[in-house]
Amino acid sequence: MTKIELLEKQIADLDYDSFAQLREWFLEFDQAIWDKKLESDSNTGKLDFLINTALSEYQAGETIDL
């Protein structure tokens, strides 16, 4: 049995309250990982193309005021 299969079985065996607690923890954990990845990508310039695209569209008059 792989680690994932073992985790799946253990999760399936949780009672409702324990599962809810795990779900909350996992969502926070996942969001923290996403935030770190986004910050890292931003700091290394991997997202600069988004800024450049937005500026180009703005300068070309292709945007609208919100």
N, C-alpha and C. Protein backbone atom coordinates (compact mmCIF):
# COMPACT_ATOMS: atom_id res chain seq x y z
N MET A 1 0.86 -1.18 0.00
CA MET A 1 0.00 0.00 0.00
C MET A 1 0.90 1.24 0.00
N THR A 2 0.62 2.18 -0.91
CA THR A 2 1.41 3.40 -0.98
C THR A 2 1.02 4.34 0.16
N LYS A 3 1.85 5.36 0.37
CA LYS A 3 1.54 6.35 1.40
C LYS A 3 0.20 7.03 1.13
N ILE A 4 -0.05 7.33 -0.14
CA ILE A 4 -1.30 8.00 -0.50
C ILE A 4 -2.49 7.09 -0.22
N GLU A 5 -2.38 5.83 -0.59
CA GLU A 5 -3.47 4.90 -0.33
C GLU A 5 -3.73 4.75 1.18
N LEU A 6 -2.64 4.73 1.96
CA LEU A 6 -2.79 4.64 3.41
C LEU A 6 -3.49 5.89 3.96
N LEU A 7 -3.07 7.06 3.47
CA LEU A 7 -3.72 8.31 3.90
C LEU A 7 -5.20 8.33 3.51
N GLU A 8 -5.50 7.88 2.29
CA GLU A 8 -6.90 7.85 1.84
C GLU A 8 -7.75 6.99 2.77
N LYS A 9 -7.21 5.83 3.13
CA LYS A 9 -7.95 4.93 4.02
C LYS A 9 -8.13 5.57 5.40
N GLN A 10 -7.07 6.17 5.92
CA GLN A 10 -7.16 6.80 7.23
C GLN A 10 -8.16 7.96 7.22
N ILE A 11 -8.16 8.72 6.15
CA ILE A 11 -9.10 9.85 6.04
C ILE A 11 -10.53 9.33 5.94
N ALA A 12 -10.73 8.28 5.15
CA ALA A 12 -12.07 7.71 5.01
C ALA A 12 -12.60 7.18 6.34
N ASP A 13 -11.71 6.79 7.23
CA ASP A 13 -12.12 6.25 8.53
C ASP A 13 -12.38 7.33 9.59
N LEU A 14 -12.11 8.58 9.27
CA LEU A 14 -12.31 9.65 10.26
C LEU A 14 -13.79 9.90 10.52
N ASP A 15 -14.10 10.28 11.74
CA ASP A 15 -15.47 10.71 12.03
C ASP A 15 -15.66 12.12 11.46
N TYR A 16 -16.90 12.57 11.43
CA TYR A 16 -17.23 13.84 10.78
C TYR A 16 -16.43 15.02 11.36
N ASP A 17 -16.38 15.13 12.68
CA ASP A 17 -15.69 16.26 13.31
C ASP A 17 -14.18 16.24 13.02
N SER A 18 -13.59 15.06 13.06
CA SER A 18 -12.16 14.95 12.75
C SER A 18 -11.89 15.30 11.29
N PHE A 19 -12.79 14.84 10.40
CA PHE A 19 -12.63 15.18 9.00
C PHE A 19 -12.75 16.68 8.77
N ALA A 20 -13.69 17.31 9.44
CA ALA A 20 -13.85 18.77 9.31
C ALA A 20 -12.60 19.48 9.78
N GLN A 21 -12.01 19.01 10.85
CA GLN A 21 -10.78 19.60 11.38
C GLN A 21 -9.64 19.42 10.37
N LEU A 22 -9.53 18.23 9.80
CA LEU A 22 -8.50 17.97 8.80
C LEU A 22 -8.70 18.86 7.57
N ARG A 23 -9.94 18.99 7.13
CA ARG A 23 -10.25 19.82 5.96
C ARG A 23 -9.82 21.26 6.20
N GLU A 24 -10.12 21.80 7.36
CA GLU A 24 -9.72 23.19 7.68
C GLU A 24 -8.20 23.32 7.67
N TRP A 25 -7.52 22.36 8.31
CA TRP A 25 -6.06 22.40 8.35
C TRP A 25 -5.50 22.33 6.94
N PHE A 26 -6.04 21.42 6.11
CA PHE A 26 -5.51 21.24 4.78
C PHE A 26 -5.71 22.49 3.92
N LEU A 27 -6.87 23.12 4.02
CA LEU A 27 -7.12 24.34 3.25
C LEU A 27 -6.13 25.43 3.62
N GLU A 28 -5.89 25.62 4.91
CA GLU A 28 -4.91 26.62 5.36
C GLU A 28 -3.51 26.26 4.90
N PHE A 29 -3.16 24.99 4.99
CA PHE A 29 -1.85 24.51 4.56
C PHE A 29 -1.66 24.75 3.06
N ASP A 30 -2.66 24.38 2.27
CA ASP A 30 -2.61 24.55 0.83
C ASP A 30 -2.49 26.03 0.44
N GLN A 31 -3.25 26.89 1.10
CA GLN A 31 -3.19 28.32 0.81
C GLN A 31 -1.83 28.91 1.17
N ALA A 32 -1.23 28.44 2.26
CA ALA A 32 0.09 28.93 2.65
C ALA A 32 1.14 28.54 1.61
N ILE A 33 1.04 27.31 1.10
CA ILE A 33 1.97 26.87 0.05
C ILE A 33 1.78 27.71 -1.21
N TRP A 34 0.52 27.96 -1.58
CA TRP A 34 0.22 28.77 -2.76
C TRP A 34 0.79 30.18 -2.60
N ASP A 35 0.60 30.77 -1.43
CA ASP A 35 1.10 32.13 -1.17
C ASP A 35 2.62 32.18 -1.31
N LYS A 36 3.33 31.18 -0.76
CA LYS A 36 4.79 31.14 -0.87
C LYS A 36 5.23 31.01 -2.31
N LYS A 37 4.54 30.16 -3.07
CA LYS A 37 4.88 29.96 -4.48
C LYS A 37 4.64 31.24 -5.28
N LEU A 38 3.51 31.89 -5.04
CA LEU A 38 3.20 33.14 -5.73
C LEU A 38 4.23 34.22 -5.40
N GLU A 39 4.60 34.33 -4.13
CA GLU A 39 5.60 35.31 -3.72
C GLU A 39 6.95 35.01 -4.38
N SER A 40 7.33 33.75 -4.40
CA SER A 40 8.59 33.35 -5.02
C SER A 40 8.58 33.67 -6.51
N ASP A 41 7.50 33.31 -7.19
CA ASP A 41 7.40 33.59 -8.63
C ASP A 41 7.44 35.09 -8.90
N SER A 42 6.79 35.86 -8.04
CA SER A 42 6.79 37.31 -8.21
C SER A 42 8.19 37.88 -8.01
N ASN A 43 8.88 37.42 -6.97
CA ASN A 43 10.22 37.92 -6.67
C ASN A 43 11.24 37.55 -7.72
N THR A 44 11.05 36.44 -8.41
CA THR A 44 12.01 36.02 -9.43
C THR A 44 11.64 36.51 -10.83
N GLY A 45 10.55 37.27 -10.94
CA GLY A 45 10.18 37.85 -12.23
C GLY A 45 9.33 36.96 -13.11
N LYS A 46 8.92 35.80 -12.61
CA LYS A 46 8.14 34.89 -13.44
C LYS A 46 6.76 35.44 -13.79
N LEU A 47 6.30 36.45 -13.06
CA LEU A 47 4.98 37.01 -13.33
C LEU A 47 5.05 38.37 -14.02
N ASP A 48 6.25 38.80 -14.35
CA ASP A 48 6.41 40.10 -15.00
C ASP A 48 5.63 40.19 -16.31
N PHE A 49 5.47 39.07 -16.99
CA PHE A 49 4.73 39.10 -18.25
C PHE A 49 3.29 39.57 -18.04
N LEU A 50 2.73 39.29 -16.87
CA LEU A 50 1.36 39.76 -16.58
C LEU A 50 1.32 41.28 -16.46
N ILE A 51 2.31 41.82 -15.78
CA ILE A 51 2.39 43.29 -15.64
C ILE A 51 2.59 43.91 -17.01
N ASN A 52 3.51 43.35 -17.78
CA ASN A 52 3.81 43.90 -19.10
C ASN A 52 2.61 43.84 -20.04
N THR A 53 1.88 42.75 -19.99
CA THR A 53 0.67 42.61 -20.81
C THR A 53 -0.36 43.65 -20.41
N ALA A 54 -0.58 43.81 -19.12
CA ALA A 54 -1.57 44.78 -18.64
C ALA A 54 -1.17 46.20 -19.04
N LEU A 55 0.11 46.53 -18.89
CA LEU A 55 0.57 47.87 -19.27
C LEU A 55 0.42 48.10 -20.77
N SER A 56 0.74 47.10 -21.56
CA SER A 56 0.60 47.23 -23.02
C SER A 56 -0.85 47.45 -23.41
N GLU A 57 -1.75 46.69 -22.80
CA GLU A 57 -3.18 46.86 -23.10
C GLU A 57 -3.67 48.23 -22.66
N TYR A 58 -3.20 48.70 -21.52
CA TYR A 58 -3.60 50.03 -21.03
C TYR A 58 -3.10 51.11 -21.99
N GLN A 59 -1.84 51.02 -22.38
CA GLN A 59 -1.27 52.03 -23.26
C GLN A 59 -1.89 52.01 -24.63
N ALA A 60 -2.40 50.85 -25.06
CA ALA A 60 -3.06 50.75 -26.36
C ALA A 60 -4.54 51.13 -26.28
N GLY A 61 -4.99 51.51 -25.10
CA GLY A 61 -6.38 51.90 -24.94
C GLY A 61 -7.34 50.73 -24.95
N GLU A 62 -6.87 49.57 -24.61
CA GLU A 62 -7.70 48.36 -24.67
C GLU A 62 -8.30 48.00 -23.30
N THR A 63 -8.28 48.92 -22.38
CA THR A 63 -8.83 48.65 -21.05
C THR A 63 -10.05 49.52 -20.81
N ILE A 64 -10.82 49.17 -19.79
CA ILE A 64 -11.97 49.99 -19.42
C ILE A 64 -11.87 50.31 -17.93
N ASP A 65 -12.41 51.43 -17.55
CA ASP A 65 -12.45 51.80 -16.14
C ASP A 65 -13.47 50.93 -15.43
N LEU A 66 -13.12 50.54 -14.24
CA LEU A 66 -14.05 49.74 -13.45
C LEU A 66 -14.87 50.61 -12.53
